[in-house]
Amino acid sequence: MDEIIKLEKKQSGELPFSDFIECYKHQVYQICFYMIGKRNEAEEIAQTAFIEAYMVVRDYNFDKVSSKLFQITVDLVLDWLQERTTSDYTEIEMAESTESLQKEILQLAVYDRLAIVLRHMVGFSVGEISDIMQIPISNVRRKIHCSREILCKQLNQNSKKYIYLLIPQDKK
């Protein structure tokens, strides 16, 4: 996708905003929604992320448009989370099995939660997460592993089987 965006930018001299949004809207929204847990706020943050990223990408030449967009998205989400407390979260409308998992994910430390969301809810590789979070790959792997362990301990026996369906183990 980054190559397509760069090619379109070079050909026209301007990066088409609608194409920019279309390429990344689902991933950006997923990051926001799974980190925050509120649909309206996630949509607002996603919109803000696109506007900010578009302005930056339009004016500067970045090799990875998506990395810059995701870094801006993560920064906005973290800013939003710093302004609110965990008690502000509302019940998320989800299936019974994912509801308890979502609750436990929201209880994780912010950067552990971010690693889990980026890896398993959005589907980024460990290397991509390392770039987005700006931490070493070994730290990303540790955060994902520790977060899975915490989630397994927190979920009751009936829900434990769902964690392996929803958050599969990385293949080595």
N, C-alpha and C. Protein backbone atom coordinates (compact mmCIF):
# COMPACT_ATOMS: atom_id res chain seq x y z
N MET A 1 0.82 -1.20 0.00
CA MET A 1 0.00 0.00 0.00
C MET A 1 0.86 1.26 0.00
N ASP A 2 1.95 1.24 0.77
CA ASP A 2 2.82 2.41 0.82
C ASP A 2 3.37 2.74 -0.56
N GLU A 3 3.69 1.68 -1.35
CA GLU A 3 4.24 1.90 -2.68
C GLU A 3 3.20 2.56 -3.58
N ILE A 4 1.94 2.14 -3.47
CA ILE A 4 0.86 2.72 -4.27
C ILE A 4 0.69 4.19 -3.92
N ILE A 5 0.67 4.48 -2.62
CA ILE A 5 0.50 5.87 -2.17
C ILE A 5 1.66 6.72 -2.68
N LYS A 6 2.91 6.21 -2.58
CA LYS A 6 4.06 6.98 -3.04
C LYS A 6 3.98 7.22 -4.55
N LEU A 7 3.58 6.19 -5.31
CA LEU A 7 3.47 6.32 -6.75
C LEU A 7 2.43 7.37 -7.12
N GLU A 8 1.27 7.32 -6.48
CA GLU A 8 0.22 8.30 -6.76
C GLU A 8 0.69 9.71 -6.40
N LYS A 9 1.43 9.83 -5.30
CA LYS A 9 1.92 11.14 -4.89
C LYS A 9 2.92 11.68 -5.92
N LYS A 10 3.80 10.82 -6.40
CA LYS A 10 4.80 11.25 -7.38
C LYS A 10 4.13 11.66 -8.70
N GLN A 11 3.13 10.89 -9.13
CA GLN A 11 2.49 11.17 -10.41
C GLN A 11 1.71 12.48 -10.38
N SER A 12 0.98 12.71 -9.31
CA SER A 12 0.12 13.90 -9.27
C SER A 12 0.76 15.06 -8.52
N GLY A 13 1.80 14.79 -7.75
CA GLY A 13 2.40 15.84 -6.93
C GLY A 13 1.64 16.07 -5.65
N GLU A 14 0.50 15.47 -5.51
CA GLU A 14 -0.36 15.64 -4.33
C GLU A 14 -0.84 14.26 -3.90
N LEU A 15 -0.88 14.00 -2.64
CA LEU A 15 -1.36 12.73 -2.11
C LEU A 15 -2.88 12.79 -1.99
N PRO A 16 -3.62 11.93 -2.71
CA PRO A 16 -5.09 11.96 -2.63
C PRO A 16 -5.57 11.53 -1.24
N PHE A 17 -6.26 12.43 -0.56
CA PHE A 17 -6.70 12.18 0.81
C PHE A 17 -7.65 10.99 0.89
N SER A 18 -8.58 10.88 -0.04
CA SER A 18 -9.55 9.77 0.00
C SER A 18 -8.84 8.42 -0.16
N ASP A 19 -7.82 8.36 -1.01
CA ASP A 19 -7.07 7.12 -1.18
C ASP A 19 -6.28 6.79 0.08
N PHE A 20 -5.72 7.82 0.68
CA PHE A 20 -4.96 7.68 1.92
C PHE A 20 -5.84 7.06 3.01
N ILE A 21 -7.04 7.58 3.16
CA ILE A 21 -7.98 7.06 4.17
C ILE A 21 -8.40 5.64 3.82
N GLU A 22 -8.75 5.42 2.58
CA GLU A 22 -9.25 4.11 2.16
C GLU A 22 -8.24 2.99 2.43
N CYS A 23 -6.97 3.29 2.24
CA CYS A 23 -5.93 2.27 2.44
C CYS A 23 -5.79 1.82 3.89
N TYR A 24 -5.99 2.74 4.83
CA TYR A 24 -5.63 2.46 6.22
C TYR A 24 -6.77 2.62 7.23
N LYS A 25 -7.97 2.91 6.78
CA LYS A 25 -9.04 3.24 7.72
C LYS A 25 -9.36 2.12 8.71
N HIS A 26 -9.37 0.89 8.25
CA HIS A 26 -9.73 -0.21 9.15
C HIS A 26 -8.67 -0.43 10.23
N GLN A 27 -7.41 -0.40 9.85
CA GLN A 27 -6.35 -0.63 10.83
C GLN A 27 -6.28 0.50 11.85
N VAL A 28 -6.42 1.73 11.39
CA VAL A 28 -6.37 2.87 12.31
C VAL A 28 -7.54 2.81 13.28
N TYR A 29 -8.73 2.52 12.77
CA TYR A 29 -9.90 2.43 13.64
C TYR A 29 -9.74 1.30 14.65
N GLN A 30 -9.23 0.16 14.22
CA GLN A 30 -9.05 -0.97 15.13
C GLN A 30 -8.08 -0.61 16.26
N ILE A 31 -7.00 0.05 15.94
CA ILE A 31 -6.06 0.48 16.98
C ILE A 31 -6.80 1.34 18.00
N CYS A 32 -7.53 2.32 17.50
CA CYS A 32 -8.25 3.25 18.39
C CYS A 32 -9.31 2.53 19.21
N PHE A 33 -10.12 1.72 18.56
CA PHE A 33 -11.23 1.07 19.25
C PHE A 33 -10.75 0.09 20.31
N TYR A 34 -9.80 -0.77 19.96
CA TYR A 34 -9.36 -1.77 20.92
C TYR A 34 -8.54 -1.18 22.06
N MET A 35 -7.93 -0.06 21.84
CA MET A 35 -7.19 0.59 22.92
C MET A 35 -8.11 1.38 23.84
N ILE A 36 -9.14 1.99 23.29
CA ILE A 36 -10.01 2.88 24.06
C ILE A 36 -11.28 2.19 24.52
N GLY A 37 -11.89 1.42 23.65
CA GLY A 37 -13.10 0.70 24.01
C GLY A 37 -14.38 1.48 23.82
N LYS A 38 -14.30 2.65 23.23
CA LYS A 38 -15.49 3.47 22.98
C LYS A 38 -15.53 3.83 21.50
N ARG A 39 -16.64 3.47 20.88
CA ARG A 39 -16.78 3.64 19.44
C ARG A 39 -16.64 5.10 18.99
N ASN A 40 -17.40 6.00 19.60
CA ASN A 40 -17.38 7.40 19.17
C ASN A 40 -16.01 8.04 19.33
N GLU A 41 -15.38 7.79 20.48
CA GLU A 41 -14.06 8.36 20.71
C GLU A 41 -13.03 7.77 19.75
N ALA A 42 -13.17 6.48 19.47
CA ALA A 42 -12.25 5.83 18.53
C ALA A 42 -12.38 6.46 17.14
N GLU A 43 -13.60 6.73 16.72
CA GLU A 43 -13.81 7.36 15.41
C GLU A 43 -13.21 8.77 15.37
N GLU A 44 -13.41 9.52 16.44
CA GLU A 44 -12.87 10.88 16.50
C GLU A 44 -11.34 10.87 16.44
N ILE A 45 -10.73 9.98 17.21
CA ILE A 45 -9.27 9.91 17.23
C ILE A 45 -8.75 9.45 15.88
N ALA A 46 -9.43 8.49 15.26
CA ALA A 46 -9.02 8.02 13.93
C ALA A 46 -9.06 9.16 12.92
N GLN A 47 -10.12 9.96 12.96
CA GLN A 47 -10.24 11.10 12.04
C GLN A 47 -9.10 12.09 12.26
N THR A 48 -8.83 12.38 13.52
CA THR A 48 -7.75 13.31 13.85
C THR A 48 -6.41 12.76 13.37
N ALA A 49 -6.20 11.46 13.56
CA ALA A 49 -4.95 10.83 13.13
C ALA A 49 -4.75 10.97 11.63
N PHE A 50 -5.82 10.74 10.86
CA PHE A 50 -5.71 10.87 9.41
C PHE A 50 -5.38 12.29 8.99
N ILE A 51 -6.02 13.24 9.61
CA ILE A 51 -5.77 14.64 9.25
C ILE A 51 -4.33 15.03 9.58
N GLU A 52 -3.88 14.70 10.79
CA GLU A 52 -2.51 15.04 11.19
C GLU A 52 -1.48 14.32 10.31
N ALA A 53 -1.71 13.03 10.07
CA ALA A 53 -0.76 12.26 9.27
C ALA A 53 -0.73 12.76 7.83
N TYR A 54 -1.88 13.09 7.30
CA TYR A 54 -1.94 13.59 5.92
C TYR A 54 -1.13 14.87 5.77
N MET A 55 -1.26 15.75 6.74
CA MET A 55 -0.53 17.02 6.69
C MET A 55 0.98 16.77 6.74
N VAL A 56 1.41 15.84 7.58
CA VAL A 56 2.83 15.54 7.71
C VAL A 56 3.35 14.84 6.45
N VAL A 57 2.62 13.83 5.99
CA VAL A 57 3.05 13.04 4.84
C VAL A 57 3.04 13.89 3.57
N ARG A 58 2.08 14.77 3.47
CA ARG A 58 1.96 15.63 2.29
C ARG A 58 3.16 16.56 2.16
N ASP A 59 3.63 17.06 3.29
CA ASP A 59 4.71 18.05 3.28
C ASP A 59 6.11 17.45 3.30
N TYR A 60 6.24 16.20 3.72
CA TYR A 60 7.55 15.57 3.84
C TYR A 60 7.55 14.26 3.09
N ASN A 61 8.73 13.77 2.78
CA ASN A 61 8.85 12.51 2.07
C ASN A 61 9.19 11.40 3.06
N PHE A 62 8.26 10.51 3.30
CA PHE A 62 8.48 9.38 4.20
C PHE A 62 8.52 8.10 3.39
N ASP A 63 9.44 7.20 3.76
CA ASP A 63 9.52 5.92 3.07
C ASP A 63 8.30 5.06 3.39
N LYS A 64 7.87 5.08 4.62
CA LYS A 64 6.73 4.27 5.05
C LYS A 64 5.62 5.20 5.53
N VAL A 65 4.68 5.47 4.66
CA VAL A 65 3.55 6.32 5.00
C VAL A 65 2.76 5.70 6.15
N SER A 66 2.58 4.39 6.09
CA SER A 66 1.78 3.71 7.12
C SER A 66 2.43 3.82 8.49
N SER A 67 3.74 3.68 8.57
CA SER A 67 4.41 3.77 9.87
C SER A 67 4.18 5.12 10.52
N LYS A 68 4.28 6.17 9.72
CA LYS A 68 4.06 7.52 10.27
C LYS A 68 2.61 7.67 10.73
N LEU A 69 1.67 7.17 9.93
CA LEU A 69 0.25 7.23 10.30
C LEU A 69 0.00 6.48 11.60
N PHE A 70 0.55 5.28 11.73
CA PHE A 70 0.31 4.48 12.93
C PHE A 70 1.00 5.09 14.15
N GLN A 71 2.16 5.71 13.97
CA GLN A 71 2.81 6.39 15.09
C GLN A 71 1.95 7.55 15.59
N ILE A 72 1.40 8.31 14.67
CA ILE A 72 0.53 9.42 15.05
C ILE A 72 -0.72 8.90 15.74
N THR A 73 -1.29 7.81 15.23
CA THR A 73 -2.48 7.21 15.84
C THR A 73 -2.19 6.77 17.26
N VAL A 74 -1.09 6.06 17.44
CA VAL A 74 -0.71 5.58 18.78
C VAL A 74 -0.49 6.76 19.73
N ASP A 75 0.18 7.79 19.27
CA ASP A 75 0.40 8.97 20.12
C ASP A 75 -0.92 9.60 20.55
N LEU A 76 -1.86 9.72 19.63
CA LEU A 76 -3.17 10.30 19.96
C LEU A 76 -3.94 9.43 20.96
N VAL A 77 -3.88 8.11 20.76
CA VAL A 77 -4.55 7.19 21.68
C VAL A 77 -3.93 7.29 23.07
N LEU A 78 -2.61 7.30 23.14
CA LEU A 78 -1.95 7.39 24.44
C LEU A 78 -2.26 8.71 25.13
N ASP A 79 -2.33 9.79 24.38
CA ASP A 79 -2.72 11.09 24.96
C ASP A 79 -4.14 11.01 25.52
N TRP A 80 -5.04 10.40 24.76
CA TRP A 80 -6.43 10.27 25.21
C TRP A 80 -6.49 9.45 26.49
N LEU A 81 -5.74 8.35 26.53
CA LEU A 81 -5.75 7.48 27.70
C LEU A 81 -5.18 8.17 28.93
N GLN A 82 -4.20 9.02 28.75
CA GLN A 82 -3.63 9.74 29.89
C GLN A 82 -4.64 10.70 30.50
N GLU A 83 -5.55 11.18 29.70
CA GLU A 83 -6.55 12.14 30.19
C GLU A 83 -7.72 11.45 30.90
N ARG A 84 -7.85 10.18 30.71
CA ARG A 84 -8.97 9.46 31.31
C ARG A 84 -8.48 8.34 32.22
N THR A 85 -9.35 7.87 33.06
CA THR A 85 -8.99 6.74 33.93
C THR A 85 -9.68 5.49 33.43
N THR A 86 -9.22 4.35 33.89
CA THR A 86 -9.80 3.09 33.48
C THR A 86 -11.27 3.00 33.86
N SER A 87 -11.67 3.68 34.93
CA SER A 87 -13.07 3.62 35.35
C SER A 87 -14.01 4.31 34.37
N ASP A 88 -13.48 5.09 33.43
CA ASP A 88 -14.31 5.75 32.44
C ASP A 88 -14.83 4.80 31.37
N TYR A 89 -14.24 3.62 31.26
CA TYR A 89 -14.64 2.71 30.20
C TYR A 89 -16.06 2.22 30.40
N THR A 90 -16.75 2.10 29.31
CA THR A 90 -18.11 1.56 29.35
C THR A 90 -18.08 0.14 28.84
N GLU A 91 -19.18 -0.57 29.08
CA GLU A 91 -19.34 -1.94 28.60
C GLU A 91 -19.30 -1.94 27.07
N ILE A 92 -18.56 -2.81 26.49
CA ILE A 92 -18.46 -2.90 25.03
C ILE A 92 -19.43 -3.97 24.56
N GLU A 93 -20.17 -3.62 23.48
CA GLU A 93 -21.13 -4.57 22.94
C GLU A 93 -20.37 -5.61 22.13
N MET A 94 -20.17 -6.78 22.74
CA MET A 94 -19.45 -7.86 22.08
C MET A 94 -20.10 -9.18 22.43
N ALA A 95 -19.73 -10.20 21.71
CA ALA A 95 -20.19 -11.55 22.02
C ALA A 95 -19.69 -11.93 23.41
N GLU A 96 -20.36 -12.88 24.03
CA GLU A 96 -20.04 -13.25 25.41
C GLU A 96 -18.57 -13.62 25.60
N SER A 97 -18.01 -14.37 24.70
CA SER A 97 -16.61 -14.80 24.86
C SER A 97 -15.63 -13.65 24.70
N THR A 98 -15.88 -12.73 23.79
CA THR A 98 -14.94 -11.63 23.58
C THR A 98 -15.13 -10.52 24.60
N GLU A 99 -16.29 -10.44 25.22
CA GLU A 99 -16.55 -9.38 26.20
C GLU A 99 -15.61 -9.49 27.40
N SER A 100 -15.48 -10.69 27.95
CA SER A 100 -14.61 -10.84 29.11
C SER A 100 -13.14 -10.64 28.72
N LEU A 101 -12.77 -11.07 27.53
CA LEU A 101 -11.41 -10.85 27.06
C LEU A 101 -11.14 -9.36 26.90
N GLN A 102 -12.09 -8.65 26.32
CA GLN A 102 -11.92 -7.20 26.14
C GLN A 102 -11.76 -6.51 27.49
N LYS A 103 -12.54 -6.91 28.47
CA LYS A 103 -12.42 -6.31 29.81
C LYS A 103 -11.02 -6.52 30.37
N GLU A 104 -10.51 -7.72 30.20
CA GLU A 104 -9.18 -8.01 30.73
C GLU A 104 -8.10 -7.27 29.95
N ILE A 105 -8.27 -7.14 28.65
CA ILE A 105 -7.30 -6.38 27.86
C ILE A 105 -7.25 -4.94 28.33
N LEU A 106 -8.40 -4.37 28.66
CA LEU A 106 -8.45 -2.99 29.13
C LEU A 106 -7.76 -2.81 30.49
N GLN A 107 -7.59 -3.91 31.23
CA GLN A 107 -6.92 -3.83 32.53
C GLN A 107 -5.40 -3.92 32.41
N LEU A 108 -4.90 -4.30 31.24
CA LEU A 108 -3.46 -4.38 31.05
C LEU A 108 -2.83 -2.99 31.10
N ALA A 109 -1.56 -2.96 31.41
CA ALA A 109 -0.82 -1.69 31.34
C ALA A 109 -0.90 -1.16 29.91
N VAL A 110 -0.86 0.13 29.75
CA VAL A 110 -1.11 0.76 28.46
C VAL A 110 -0.22 0.21 27.34
N TYR A 111 1.09 0.12 27.56
CA TYR A 111 1.98 -0.34 26.50
C TYR A 111 1.86 -1.84 26.25
N ASP A 112 1.52 -2.62 27.28
CA ASP A 112 1.26 -4.05 27.08
C ASP A 112 -0.01 -4.22 26.26
N ARG A 113 -1.02 -3.44 26.58
CA ARG A 113 -2.29 -3.48 25.84
C ARG A 113 -2.04 -3.09 24.39
N LEU A 114 -1.24 -2.07 24.18
CA LEU A 114 -0.94 -1.61 22.83
C LEU A 114 -0.28 -2.72 22.02
N ALA A 115 0.67 -3.42 22.60
CA ALA A 115 1.36 -4.51 21.90
C ALA A 115 0.38 -5.62 21.52
N ILE A 116 -0.50 -6.00 22.44
CA ILE A 116 -1.51 -7.04 22.16
C ILE A 116 -2.46 -6.59 21.07
N VAL A 117 -2.94 -5.37 21.15
CA VAL A 117 -3.89 -4.86 20.16
C VAL A 117 -3.24 -4.81 18.78
N LEU A 118 -2.05 -4.26 18.69
CA LEU A 118 -1.38 -4.16 17.39
C LEU A 118 -1.09 -5.54 16.80
N ARG A 119 -0.72 -6.50 17.65
CA ARG A 119 -0.37 -7.83 17.15
C ARG A 119 -1.59 -8.64 16.77
N HIS A 120 -2.56 -8.70 17.67
CA HIS A 120 -3.64 -9.67 17.48
C HIS A 120 -4.96 -9.08 17.01
N MET A 121 -5.22 -7.84 17.29
CA MET A 121 -6.48 -7.25 16.84
C MET A 121 -6.31 -6.59 15.47
N VAL A 122 -5.12 -6.04 15.23
CA VAL A 122 -4.86 -5.35 13.97
C VAL A 122 -4.05 -6.24 13.02
N GLY A 123 -3.19 -7.10 13.58
CA GLY A 123 -2.47 -8.06 12.76
C GLY A 123 -1.08 -7.64 12.29
N PHE A 124 -0.45 -6.72 13.00
CA PHE A 124 0.89 -6.29 12.63
C PHE A 124 1.92 -7.32 13.05
N SER A 125 3.04 -7.34 12.33
CA SER A 125 4.15 -8.21 12.70
C SER A 125 4.88 -7.59 13.90
N VAL A 126 5.71 -8.40 14.53
CA VAL A 126 6.48 -7.91 15.67
C VAL A 126 7.41 -6.78 15.24
N GLY A 127 7.97 -6.89 14.04
CA GLY A 127 8.84 -5.84 13.51
C GLY A 127 8.10 -4.53 13.30
N GLU A 128 6.89 -4.62 12.76
CA GLU A 128 6.09 -3.41 12.55
C GLU A 128 5.72 -2.76 13.89
N ILE A 129 5.38 -3.60 14.86
CA ILE A 129 5.05 -3.08 16.19
C ILE A 129 6.26 -2.38 16.80
N SER A 130 7.43 -2.98 16.61
CA SER A 130 8.66 -2.37 17.10
C SER A 130 8.85 -0.98 16.51
N ASP A 131 8.60 -0.84 15.21
CA ASP A 131 8.71 0.47 14.56
C ASP A 131 7.70 1.46 15.10
N ILE A 132 6.46 1.02 15.26
CA ILE A 132 5.38 1.91 15.71
C ILE A 132 5.61 2.36 17.14
N MET A 133 5.95 1.40 18.02
CA MET A 133 6.13 1.73 19.43
C MET A 133 7.53 2.29 19.72
N GLN A 134 8.42 2.17 18.76
CA GLN A 134 9.78 2.66 18.88
C GLN A 134 10.52 2.01 20.06
N ILE A 135 10.40 0.67 20.12
CA ILE A 135 11.11 -0.11 21.13
C ILE A 135 11.72 -1.33 20.42
N PRO A 136 12.73 -1.98 21.03
CA PRO A 136 13.34 -3.15 20.41
C PRO A 136 12.35 -4.31 20.24
N ILE A 137 12.61 -5.14 19.25
CA ILE A 137 11.76 -6.29 18.96
C ILE A 137 11.67 -7.21 20.18
N SER A 138 12.76 -7.39 20.89
CA SER A 138 12.74 -8.27 22.07
C SER A 138 11.76 -7.75 23.13
N ASN A 139 11.67 -6.44 23.28
CA ASN A 139 10.71 -5.86 24.23
C ASN A 139 9.28 -6.08 23.77
N VAL A 140 9.05 -6.00 22.46
CA VAL A 140 7.71 -6.25 21.92
C VAL A 140 7.30 -7.69 22.23
N ARG A 141 8.20 -8.63 21.94
CA ARG A 141 7.90 -10.04 22.20
C ARG A 141 7.62 -10.29 23.68
N ARG A 142 8.41 -9.66 24.54
CA ARG A 142 8.21 -9.82 25.98
C ARG A 142 6.86 -9.27 26.40
N LYS A 143 6.50 -8.10 25.91
CA LYS A 143 5.21 -7.50 26.26
C LYS A 143 4.05 -8.39 25.81
N ILE A 144 4.15 -8.92 24.60
CA ILE A 144 3.08 -9.79 24.09
C ILE A 144 2.99 -11.06 24.92
N HIS A 145 4.13 -11.68 25.21
CA HIS A 145 4.14 -12.91 26.00
C HIS A 145 3.57 -12.68 27.40
N CYS A 146 4.07 -11.66 28.08
CA CYS A 146 3.61 -11.37 29.44
C CYS A 146 2.12 -11.01 29.46
N SER A 147 1.68 -10.28 28.46
CA SER A 147 0.26 -9.91 28.39
C SER A 147 -0.62 -11.14 28.22
N ARG A 148 -0.18 -12.07 27.38
CA ARG A 148 -0.94 -13.32 27.21
C ARG A 148 -1.03 -14.09 28.52
N GLU A 149 0.09 -14.15 29.23
CA GLU A 149 0.11 -14.85 30.52
C GLU A 149 -0.87 -14.21 31.50
N ILE A 150 -0.85 -12.91 31.57
CA ILE A 150 -1.76 -12.18 32.47
C ILE A 150 -3.21 -12.46 32.08
N LEU A 151 -3.50 -12.40 30.78
CA LEU A 151 -4.87 -12.63 30.32
C LEU A 151 -5.33 -14.05 30.66
N CYS A 152 -4.46 -15.02 30.47
CA CYS A 152 -4.82 -16.40 30.80
C CYS A 152 -5.13 -16.56 32.29
N LYS A 153 -4.34 -15.91 33.14
CA LYS A 153 -4.57 -16.01 34.58
C LYS A 153 -5.86 -15.31 35.00
N GLN A 154 -6.18 -14.19 34.36
CA GLN A 154 -7.35 -13.40 34.75
C GLN A 154 -8.66 -14.01 34.27
N LEU A 155 -8.63 -14.69 33.16
CA LEU A 155 -9.87 -15.25 32.63
C LEU A 155 -10.22 -16.53 33.38
N ASN A 156 -11.49 -16.71 33.62
CA ASN A 156 -11.90 -17.94 34.32
C ASN A 156 -11.77 -19.14 33.40
N GLN A 157 -11.89 -20.35 33.95
CA GLN A 157 -11.68 -21.58 33.19
C GLN A 157 -12.55 -21.64 31.94
N ASN A 158 -13.79 -21.18 32.02
CA ASN A 158 -14.68 -21.25 30.87
C ASN A 158 -14.22 -20.37 29.72
N SER A 159 -13.58 -19.28 30.05
CA SER A 159 -13.16 -18.33 29.02
C SER A 159 -11.75 -18.58 28.51
N LYS A 160 -10.97 -19.37 29.23
CA LYS A 160 -9.58 -19.57 28.84
C LYS A 160 -9.46 -20.15 27.44
N LYS A 161 -10.39 -21.03 27.06
CA LYS A 161 -10.29 -21.63 25.73
C LYS A 161 -10.42 -20.59 24.63
N TYR A 162 -11.10 -19.49 24.91
CA TYR A 162 -11.30 -18.46 23.89
C TYR A 162 -10.05 -17.64 23.64
N ILE A 163 -9.20 -17.54 24.62
CA ILE A 163 -8.00 -16.72 24.43
C ILE A 163 -7.13 -17.28 23.31
N TYR A 164 -7.11 -18.60 23.15
CA TYR A 164 -6.29 -19.20 22.11
C TYR A 164 -6.96 -19.08 20.74
N LEU A 165 -8.27 -18.92 20.72
CA LEU A 165 -8.96 -18.65 19.46
C LEU A 165 -8.81 -17.19 19.06
N LEU A 166 -8.91 -16.30 20.04
CA LEU A 166 -8.88 -14.87 19.76
C LEU A 166 -7.47 -14.31 19.70
N ILE A 167 -6.59 -14.86 20.52
CA ILE A 167 -5.20 -14.39 20.56
C ILE A 167 -4.30 -15.61 20.41
N PRO A 168 -4.08 -16.05 19.17
CA PRO A 168 -3.25 -17.24 18.96
C PRO A 168 -1.80 -16.99 19.31
N GLN A 169 -1.11 -18.06 19.68
CA GLN A 169 0.31 -17.96 19.99
C GLN A 169 1.09 -17.71 18.71
N ASP A 170 2.18 -16.94 18.80
CA ASP A 170 3.04 -16.70 17.64
C ASP A 170 3.73 -18.00 17.27
N LYS A 171 3.86 -18.24 15.98
CA LYS A 171 4.59 -19.41 15.51
C LYS A 171 6.06 -19.04 15.40
N LYS A 172 6.91 -19.91 15.88
CA LYS A 172 8.36 -19.63 15.86
C LYS A 172 9.01 -20.32 14.70
